[in-house]
Every structure is written in structure tokens, then in C-alpha cells.
Amino acid sequence: MLRFVLNGLADFAMDIARDLLNLWAELQKPDTWILIGMMVLFGVTIFFGFYFALRFDMTLKLRHLVGAACRDIDNPQSAALFFALAAFALAMLTALGEFAQYLDNKARGYKERVRNARSALILATLSLVVGGCIILFFDRLCR
């Protein structure tokens, strides 16, 4: 029984070591760092978007939990903001998906399908521009 448990622990430790070596090999590739960089840029954009969006929350205003005074937005601005956020989310997810497909096609050796990197870059730029415009919109209303 003890030998069975020790063999199981040894196999588990070998699996963990193999996974760590695979992780280290993956971190040596520049494509991995590009994908991580894309996710960090999207995360920073989302963070600042939420940071400004929470200043417009009426519950936080009523409880005096917001330190900045922001003007209220009316219905056309709310609709435009909603559609801009939807466009940002769709472009962001599509850009990540296109880049992941590019990496998969590159790993499989499909030369004719490797053009997805350009579309991923265009979509990532579009989503960051839309996200930046949303942040600027919020910033203008909170001055």
C-alpha cells in the first residue's frame, strides 16, 4: 500500500515537473508574450473603463462613496456607450480568437492561413481605439 502511494506521488511530481518544463518552453516563444501583452492591454483598458464607469453609479453617489462629481448621462449617450462597449467586447474577443487561430495555423504549418495575424492586429487596434474613446468620454464627463 505504501509503495503504491509513493509511486503515485512520484508520478505526480514527474507530471508537475514535465508541465513546468513545457511552461518554460512556451514562455520562450515570442508569440506567447505577444498574446500576454494583448491581454494586459485589454485588461488595463477594461480596468480604467470600470474605474470611470463606477463614478456614474447612482447608488455610490447617494451613499457618498464616489470622490469625483460626474455629470449624469442622458439616454442617447447611454445608448451610444452601450453600443461602444459591445463593439469593444466583440472586437477584443475576436482579436484574441484570431491571434489564437494564427498561432494554431502556424504550429500546424498551414502557410495559406497564416494571414490571420494581420486581422488580429487590426481588430486589436480597433478595440483599443474604441476602449480609449470610451475612457476619454468618461473622463470628459467627470471633470
N, C-alpha and C. Protein backbone atom coordinates (compact mmCIF):
# COMPACT_ATOMS: atom_id res chain seq x y z
N MET A 1 0.82 -1.19 0.00
CA MET A 1 0.00 0.00 0.00
C MET A 1 0.87 1.26 0.00
N LEU A 2 1.88 1.27 0.86
CA LEU A 2 2.77 2.43 0.94
C LEU A 2 3.52 2.63 -0.38
N ARG A 3 3.96 1.50 -0.97
CA ARG A 3 4.67 1.60 -2.24
C ARG A 3 3.75 2.17 -3.33
N PHE A 4 2.49 1.81 -3.31
CA PHE A 4 1.51 2.32 -4.27
C PHE A 4 1.34 3.83 -4.12
N VAL A 5 1.27 4.31 -2.89
CA VAL A 5 1.13 5.74 -2.63
C VAL A 5 2.39 6.49 -3.05
N LEU A 6 3.55 5.94 -2.73
CA LEU A 6 4.81 6.59 -3.10
C LEU A 6 4.99 6.63 -4.61
N ASN A 7 4.62 5.56 -5.31
CA ASN A 7 4.69 5.57 -6.77
C ASN A 7 3.74 6.61 -7.35
N GLY A 8 2.56 6.75 -6.76
CA GLY A 8 1.61 7.75 -7.21
C GLY A 8 2.15 9.16 -7.00
N LEU A 9 2.77 9.41 -5.85
CA LEU A 9 3.37 10.72 -5.59
C LEU A 9 4.54 11.00 -6.53
N ALA A 10 5.33 9.98 -6.83
CA ALA A 10 6.46 10.16 -7.75
C ALA A 10 5.94 10.47 -9.15
N ASP A 11 4.89 9.79 -9.58
CA ASP A 11 4.30 10.09 -10.90
C ASP A 11 3.72 11.50 -10.93
N PHE A 12 3.09 11.88 -9.84
CA PHE A 12 2.52 13.22 -9.74
C PHE A 12 3.62 14.28 -9.82
N ALA A 13 4.75 14.06 -9.12
CA ALA A 13 5.86 15.01 -9.14
C ALA A 13 6.48 15.07 -10.54
N MET A 14 6.56 13.93 -11.21
CA MET A 14 7.11 13.93 -12.58
C MET A 14 6.18 14.68 -13.54
N ASP A 15 4.87 14.52 -13.35
CA ASP A 15 3.92 15.26 -14.20
C ASP A 15 4.03 16.76 -13.97
N ILE A 16 4.17 17.17 -12.72
CA ILE A 16 4.33 18.60 -12.42
C ILE A 16 5.62 19.12 -13.02
N ALA A 17 6.71 18.38 -12.91
CA ALA A 17 7.99 18.81 -13.48
C ALA A 17 7.89 18.91 -15.01
N ARG A 18 7.22 17.94 -15.65
CA ARG A 18 7.05 17.99 -17.10
C ARG A 18 6.20 19.20 -17.51
N ASP A 19 5.14 19.49 -16.73
CA ASP A 19 4.31 20.66 -17.03
C ASP A 19 5.09 21.96 -16.87
N LEU A 20 5.93 22.04 -15.85
CA LEU A 20 6.75 23.24 -15.66
C LEU A 20 7.76 23.42 -16.78
N LEU A 21 8.34 22.33 -17.26
CA LEU A 21 9.26 22.41 -18.39
C LEU A 21 8.53 22.84 -19.66
N ASN A 22 7.33 22.33 -19.86
CA ASN A 22 6.53 22.76 -21.02
C ASN A 22 6.16 24.23 -20.91
N LEU A 23 5.83 24.68 -19.70
CA LEU A 23 5.52 26.09 -19.49
C LEU A 23 6.74 26.96 -19.79
N TRP A 24 7.90 26.54 -19.33
CA TRP A 24 9.12 27.29 -19.59
C TRP A 24 9.42 27.35 -21.08
N ALA A 25 9.21 26.25 -21.79
CA ALA A 25 9.44 26.24 -23.23
C ALA A 25 8.43 27.16 -23.94
N GLU A 26 7.21 27.20 -23.45
CA GLU A 26 6.19 28.07 -24.06
C GLU A 26 6.51 29.55 -23.81
N LEU A 27 7.07 29.85 -22.65
CA LEU A 27 7.42 31.24 -22.34
C LEU A 27 8.64 31.72 -23.13
N GLN A 28 9.36 30.83 -23.75
CA GLN A 28 10.50 31.22 -24.58
C GLN A 28 10.06 31.71 -25.96
N LYS A 29 8.81 31.45 -26.33
CA LYS A 29 8.32 31.84 -27.66
C LYS A 29 7.82 33.28 -27.63
N PRO A 30 8.15 34.07 -28.64
CA PRO A 30 7.68 35.46 -28.67
C PRO A 30 6.16 35.57 -28.87
N ASP A 31 5.56 34.58 -29.53
CA ASP A 31 4.11 34.63 -29.73
C ASP A 31 3.35 34.60 -28.41
N THR A 32 3.88 33.87 -27.44
CA THR A 32 3.25 33.80 -26.13
C THR A 32 3.26 35.18 -25.47
N TRP A 33 4.37 35.87 -25.58
CA TRP A 33 4.47 37.19 -24.97
C TRP A 33 3.60 38.22 -25.69
N ILE A 34 3.42 38.05 -26.99
CA ILE A 34 2.51 38.94 -27.72
C ILE A 34 1.08 38.73 -27.22
N LEU A 35 0.69 37.47 -27.05
CA LEU A 35 -0.66 37.18 -26.54
C LEU A 35 -0.84 37.70 -25.12
N ILE A 36 0.16 37.53 -24.28
CA ILE A 36 0.09 38.05 -22.91
C ILE A 36 0.01 39.57 -22.93
N GLY A 37 0.78 40.21 -23.81
CA GLY A 37 0.73 41.67 -23.93
C GLY A 37 -0.64 42.15 -24.39
N MET A 38 -1.25 41.43 -25.34
CA MET A 38 -2.60 41.80 -25.78
C MET A 38 -3.58 41.73 -24.62
N MET A 39 -3.49 40.66 -23.84
CA MET A 39 -4.41 40.51 -22.71
C MET A 39 -4.18 41.58 -21.66
N VAL A 40 -2.93 41.96 -21.43
CA VAL A 40 -2.63 43.02 -20.46
C VAL A 40 -3.19 44.35 -20.94
N LEU A 41 -3.02 44.67 -22.23
CA LEU A 41 -3.57 45.92 -22.76
C LEU A 41 -5.09 45.95 -22.66
N PHE A 42 -5.73 44.84 -22.99
CA PHE A 42 -7.18 44.78 -22.86
C PHE A 42 -7.60 44.89 -21.40
N GLY A 43 -6.86 44.25 -20.51
CA GLY A 43 -7.19 44.32 -19.09
C GLY A 43 -7.05 45.72 -18.53
N VAL A 44 -6.01 46.44 -18.93
CA VAL A 44 -5.82 47.82 -18.48
C VAL A 44 -6.95 48.71 -19.00
N THR A 45 -7.34 48.50 -20.26
CA THR A 45 -8.43 49.27 -20.83
C THR A 45 -9.74 49.00 -20.09
N ILE A 46 -10.01 47.74 -19.79
CA ILE A 46 -11.22 47.38 -19.05
C ILE A 46 -11.18 47.96 -17.64
N PHE A 47 -10.01 47.92 -16.99
CA PHE A 47 -9.89 48.46 -15.64
C PHE A 47 -10.25 49.94 -15.61
N PHE A 48 -9.65 50.72 -16.50
CA PHE A 48 -9.93 52.15 -16.49
C PHE A 48 -11.36 52.45 -16.92
N GLY A 49 -11.91 51.63 -17.80
CA GLY A 49 -13.32 51.79 -18.16
C GLY A 49 -14.23 51.60 -16.96
N PHE A 50 -13.98 50.54 -16.18
CA PHE A 50 -14.77 50.31 -14.97
C PHE A 50 -14.51 51.38 -13.92
N TYR A 51 -13.27 51.83 -13.84
CA TYR A 51 -12.92 52.86 -12.88
C TYR A 51 -13.76 54.12 -13.09
N PHE A 52 -13.88 54.55 -14.34
CA PHE A 52 -14.69 55.73 -14.63
C PHE A 52 -16.17 55.42 -14.59
N ALA A 53 -16.56 54.22 -15.03
CA ALA A 53 -17.98 53.88 -15.06
C ALA A 53 -18.59 53.82 -13.66
N LEU A 54 -17.81 53.39 -12.68
CA LEU A 54 -18.35 53.33 -11.32
C LEU A 54 -18.61 54.71 -10.73
N ARG A 55 -18.01 55.73 -11.30
CA ARG A 55 -18.28 57.08 -10.81
C ARG A 55 -19.68 57.56 -11.20
N PHE A 56 -20.31 56.89 -12.15
CA PHE A 56 -21.65 57.27 -12.59
C PHE A 56 -22.74 56.49 -11.87
N ASP A 57 -22.38 55.54 -11.03
CA ASP A 57 -23.36 54.71 -10.35
C ASP A 57 -24.13 55.55 -9.32
N MET A 58 -25.45 55.53 -9.43
CA MET A 58 -26.28 56.36 -8.56
C MET A 58 -26.23 55.88 -7.11
N THR A 59 -26.14 54.59 -6.89
CA THR A 59 -26.06 54.07 -5.52
C THR A 59 -24.81 54.58 -4.82
N LEU A 60 -23.69 54.56 -5.52
CA LEU A 60 -22.45 55.06 -4.92
C LEU A 60 -22.51 56.56 -4.69
N LYS A 61 -23.20 57.28 -5.58
CA LYS A 61 -23.35 58.73 -5.38
C LYS A 61 -24.21 59.03 -4.16
N LEU A 62 -25.30 58.30 -4.00
CA LEU A 62 -26.20 58.55 -2.87
C LEU A 62 -25.55 58.24 -1.53
N ARG A 63 -24.68 57.27 -1.51
CA ARG A 63 -24.00 56.90 -0.26
C ARG A 63 -22.69 57.65 -0.07
N HIS A 64 -22.41 58.57 -0.95
CA HIS A 64 -21.20 59.41 -0.91
C HIS A 64 -19.92 58.56 -0.89
N LEU A 65 -19.91 57.52 -1.72
CA LEU A 65 -18.74 56.66 -1.81
C LEU A 65 -17.87 57.00 -3.02
N VAL A 66 -18.32 57.95 -3.82
CA VAL A 66 -17.56 58.36 -5.00
C VAL A 66 -16.92 59.70 -4.72
N GLY A 67 -15.61 59.79 -4.97
CA GLY A 67 -14.90 61.02 -4.66
C GLY A 67 -15.00 62.08 -5.73
N ALA A 68 -15.43 61.72 -6.93
CA ALA A 68 -15.49 62.68 -8.03
C ALA A 68 -16.94 62.96 -8.39
N ALA A 69 -17.20 64.16 -8.79
CA ALA A 69 -18.54 64.52 -9.23
C ALA A 69 -18.59 64.42 -10.74
N CYS A 70 -19.44 63.55 -11.24
CA CYS A 70 -19.60 63.36 -12.68
C CYS A 70 -21.01 63.75 -13.08
N ARG A 71 -21.11 64.33 -14.25
CA ARG A 71 -22.43 64.67 -14.76
C ARG A 71 -23.19 63.40 -15.12
N ASP A 72 -24.50 63.48 -15.03
CA ASP A 72 -25.32 62.34 -15.44
C ASP A 72 -25.36 62.28 -16.96
N ILE A 73 -25.50 61.08 -17.48
CA ILE A 73 -25.59 60.92 -18.92
C ILE A 73 -27.05 60.67 -19.29
N ASP A 74 -27.45 61.19 -20.43
CA ASP A 74 -28.84 61.05 -20.85
C ASP A 74 -28.98 59.80 -21.73
N ASN A 75 -30.18 59.58 -22.26
CA ASN A 75 -30.46 58.35 -23.00
C ASN A 75 -29.63 58.18 -24.27
N PRO A 76 -29.48 59.18 -25.12
CA PRO A 76 -28.64 58.95 -26.31
C PRO A 76 -27.19 58.62 -25.96
N GLN A 77 -26.67 59.27 -24.94
CA GLN A 77 -25.30 58.97 -24.52
C GLN A 77 -25.21 57.56 -23.94
N SER A 78 -26.24 57.15 -23.19
CA SER A 78 -26.25 55.78 -22.65
C SER A 78 -26.31 54.75 -23.76
N ALA A 79 -27.13 55.01 -24.78
CA ALA A 79 -27.23 54.08 -25.90
C ALA A 79 -25.91 54.00 -26.66
N ALA A 80 -25.29 55.15 -26.91
CA ALA A 80 -24.01 55.17 -27.62
C ALA A 80 -22.94 54.45 -26.81
N LEU A 81 -22.95 54.65 -25.50
CA LEU A 81 -21.99 53.98 -24.63
C LEU A 81 -22.20 52.47 -24.64
N PHE A 82 -23.47 52.04 -24.60
CA PHE A 82 -23.78 50.61 -24.63
C PHE A 82 -23.25 49.97 -25.91
N PHE A 83 -23.54 50.60 -27.06
CA PHE A 83 -23.09 50.02 -28.33
C PHE A 83 -21.57 50.08 -28.47
N ALA A 84 -20.94 51.12 -27.94
CA ALA A 84 -19.48 51.20 -27.98
C ALA A 84 -18.85 50.10 -27.12
N LEU A 85 -19.45 49.84 -25.96
CA LEU A 85 -18.93 48.76 -25.12
C LEU A 85 -19.13 47.40 -25.77
N ALA A 86 -20.27 47.21 -26.44
CA ALA A 86 -20.50 45.95 -27.16
C ALA A 86 -19.49 45.80 -28.29
N ALA A 87 -19.22 46.87 -29.03
CA ALA A 87 -18.23 46.82 -30.12
C ALA A 87 -16.84 46.52 -29.57
N PHE A 88 -16.50 47.14 -28.42
CA PHE A 88 -15.20 46.88 -27.80
C PHE A 88 -15.07 45.41 -27.41
N ALA A 89 -16.10 44.87 -26.77
CA ALA A 89 -16.05 43.48 -26.32
C ALA A 89 -15.94 42.52 -27.49
N LEU A 90 -16.74 42.74 -28.53
CA LEU A 90 -16.69 41.85 -29.69
C LEU A 90 -15.35 41.94 -30.41
N ALA A 91 -14.83 43.14 -30.58
CA ALA A 91 -13.54 43.29 -31.26
C ALA A 91 -12.42 42.68 -30.43
N MET A 92 -12.48 42.84 -29.11
CA MET A 92 -11.45 42.27 -28.24
C MET A 92 -11.45 40.75 -28.31
N LEU A 93 -12.63 40.14 -28.17
CA LEU A 93 -12.71 38.68 -28.20
C LEU A 93 -12.35 38.12 -29.57
N THR A 94 -12.76 38.82 -30.62
CA THR A 94 -12.42 38.36 -31.96
C THR A 94 -10.92 38.48 -32.22
N ALA A 95 -10.30 39.54 -31.73
CA ALA A 95 -8.85 39.71 -31.91
C ALA A 95 -8.09 38.59 -31.20
N LEU A 96 -8.49 38.28 -29.98
CA LEU A 96 -7.82 37.19 -29.26
C LEU A 96 -8.05 35.85 -29.97
N GLY A 97 -9.26 35.63 -30.47
CA GLY A 97 -9.54 34.40 -31.19
C GLY A 97 -8.77 34.29 -32.49
N GLU A 98 -8.68 35.39 -33.24
CA GLU A 98 -7.92 35.38 -34.49
C GLU A 98 -6.44 35.14 -34.24
N PHE A 99 -5.91 35.73 -33.17
CA PHE A 99 -4.49 35.52 -32.88
C PHE A 99 -4.24 34.08 -32.42
N ALA A 100 -5.16 33.52 -31.64
CA ALA A 100 -5.03 32.11 -31.24
C ALA A 100 -5.12 31.19 -32.45
N GLN A 101 -6.00 31.51 -33.39
CA GLN A 101 -6.09 30.71 -34.62
C GLN A 101 -4.82 30.85 -35.46
N TYR A 102 -4.26 32.04 -35.49
CA TYR A 102 -2.99 32.24 -36.19
C TYR A 102 -1.89 31.37 -35.58
N LEU A 103 -1.82 31.34 -34.25
CA LEU A 103 -0.80 30.51 -33.60
C LEU A 103 -1.02 29.03 -33.91
N ASP A 104 -2.28 28.59 -33.92
CA ASP A 104 -2.58 27.20 -34.22
C ASP A 104 -2.22 26.87 -35.66
N ASN A 105 -2.58 27.74 -36.59
CA ASN A 105 -2.24 27.50 -38.01
C ASN A 105 -0.74 27.51 -38.23
N LYS A 106 -0.04 28.38 -37.52
CA LYS A 106 1.42 28.44 -37.64
C LYS A 106 2.06 27.17 -37.11
N ALA A 107 1.53 26.66 -35.98
CA ALA A 107 2.08 25.43 -35.41
C ALA A 107 1.82 24.22 -36.30
N ARG A 108 0.68 24.22 -36.99
CA ARG A 108 0.35 23.09 -37.87
C ARG A 108 1.00 23.21 -39.24
N GLY A 109 1.57 24.36 -39.55
CA GLY A 109 2.27 24.53 -40.81
C GLY A 109 1.39 24.93 -41.97
N TYR A 110 0.22 25.50 -41.69
CA TYR A 110 -0.67 25.96 -42.76
C TYR A 110 -0.22 27.33 -43.24
N LYS A 111 0.53 27.35 -44.32
CA LYS A 111 1.09 28.61 -44.82
C LYS A 111 0.02 29.54 -45.38
N GLU A 112 -1.02 28.96 -45.99
CA GLU A 112 -2.03 29.80 -46.63
C GLU A 112 -2.98 30.44 -45.63
N ARG A 113 -3.01 29.97 -44.40
CA ARG A 113 -3.93 30.51 -43.40
C ARG A 113 -3.25 31.38 -42.36
N VAL A 114 -2.01 31.69 -42.53
CA VAL A 114 -1.24 32.44 -41.54
C VAL A 114 -1.56 33.94 -41.60
N ARG A 115 -2.37 34.37 -42.56
CA ARG A 115 -2.71 35.79 -42.68
C ARG A 115 -3.59 36.28 -41.54
N ASN A 116 -4.03 35.42 -40.64
CA ASN A 116 -4.90 35.84 -39.55
C ASN A 116 -4.22 36.81 -38.59
N ALA A 117 -2.91 36.87 -38.60
CA ALA A 117 -2.20 37.78 -37.70
C ALA A 117 -2.52 39.22 -38.04
N ARG A 118 -2.64 39.53 -39.32
CA ARG A 118 -2.97 40.89 -39.73
C ARG A 118 -4.37 41.28 -39.27
N SER A 119 -5.33 40.38 -39.44
CA SER A 119 -6.69 40.69 -38.99
C SER A 119 -6.76 40.79 -37.47
N ALA A 120 -5.99 39.97 -36.78
CA ALA A 120 -5.96 40.07 -35.31
C ALA A 120 -5.38 41.40 -34.87
N LEU A 121 -4.34 41.86 -35.55
CA LEU A 121 -3.74 43.15 -35.22
C LEU A 121 -4.70 44.30 -35.50
N ILE A 122 -5.41 44.23 -36.62
CA ILE A 122 -6.38 45.27 -36.95
C ILE A 122 -7.52 45.30 -35.93
N LEU A 123 -8.02 44.12 -35.56
CA LEU A 123 -9.11 44.06 -34.58
C LEU A 123 -8.65 44.51 -33.20
N ALA A 124 -7.43 44.16 -32.82
CA ALA A 124 -6.91 44.59 -31.53
C ALA A 124 -6.77 46.11 -31.50
N THR A 125 -6.27 46.68 -32.59
CA THR A 125 -6.14 48.14 -32.66
C THR A 125 -7.51 48.80 -32.61
N LEU A 126 -8.47 48.24 -33.34
CA LEU A 126 -9.83 48.79 -33.32
C LEU A 126 -10.43 48.74 -31.93
N SER A 127 -10.26 47.62 -31.24
CA SER A 127 -10.85 47.52 -29.91
C SER A 127 -10.16 48.46 -28.92
N LEU A 128 -8.85 48.64 -29.04
CA LEU A 128 -8.16 49.57 -28.14
C LEU A 128 -8.54 51.02 -28.43
N VAL A 129 -8.78 51.34 -29.70
CA VAL A 129 -9.24 52.69 -30.04
C VAL A 129 -10.63 52.94 -29.47
N VAL A 130 -11.52 51.96 -29.63
CA VAL A 130 -12.88 52.10 -29.08
C VAL A 130 -12.83 52.20 -27.56
N GLY A 131 -12.03 51.35 -26.92
CA GLY A 131 -11.89 51.41 -25.46
C GLY A 131 -11.30 52.73 -25.00
N GLY A 132 -10.32 53.24 -25.73
CA GLY A 132 -9.74 54.54 -25.38
C GLY A 132 -10.75 55.67 -25.54
N CYS A 133 -11.57 55.59 -26.58
CA CYS A 133 -12.62 56.61 -26.76
C CYS A 133 -13.64 56.56 -25.63
N ILE A 134 -13.96 55.37 -25.17
CA ILE A 134 -14.90 55.24 -24.04
C ILE A 134 -14.29 55.87 -22.79
N ILE A 135 -13.02 55.60 -22.55
CA ILE A 135 -12.36 56.17 -21.37
C ILE A 135 -12.30 57.69 -21.47
N LEU A 136 -11.99 58.21 -22.67
CA LEU A 136 -11.98 59.67 -22.85
C LEU A 136 -13.37 60.27 -22.66
N PHE A 137 -14.40 59.55 -23.11
CA PHE A 137 -15.77 60.01 -22.92
C PHE A 137 -16.09 60.12 -21.42
N PHE A 138 -15.74 59.10 -20.67
CA PHE A 138 -15.97 59.13 -19.22
C PHE A 138 -15.15 60.24 -18.56
N ASP A 139 -13.91 60.39 -19.01
CA ASP A 139 -13.04 61.39 -18.42
C ASP A 139 -13.59 62.81 -18.66
N ARG A 140 -14.13 63.06 -19.82
CA ARG A 140 -14.69 64.38 -20.13
C ARG A 140 -15.90 64.69 -19.26
N LEU A 141 -16.69 63.67 -18.95
CA LEU A 141 -17.89 63.90 -18.13
C LEU A 141 -17.57 64.04 -16.64
N CYS A 142 -16.41 63.62 -16.23
CA CYS A 142 -16.06 63.67 -14.81
C CYS A 142 -15.17 64.85 -14.46
N ARG A 143 -15.08 65.83 -15.30
CA ARG A 143 -14.25 66.99 -14.98
C ARG A 143 -15.05 68.10 -14.40
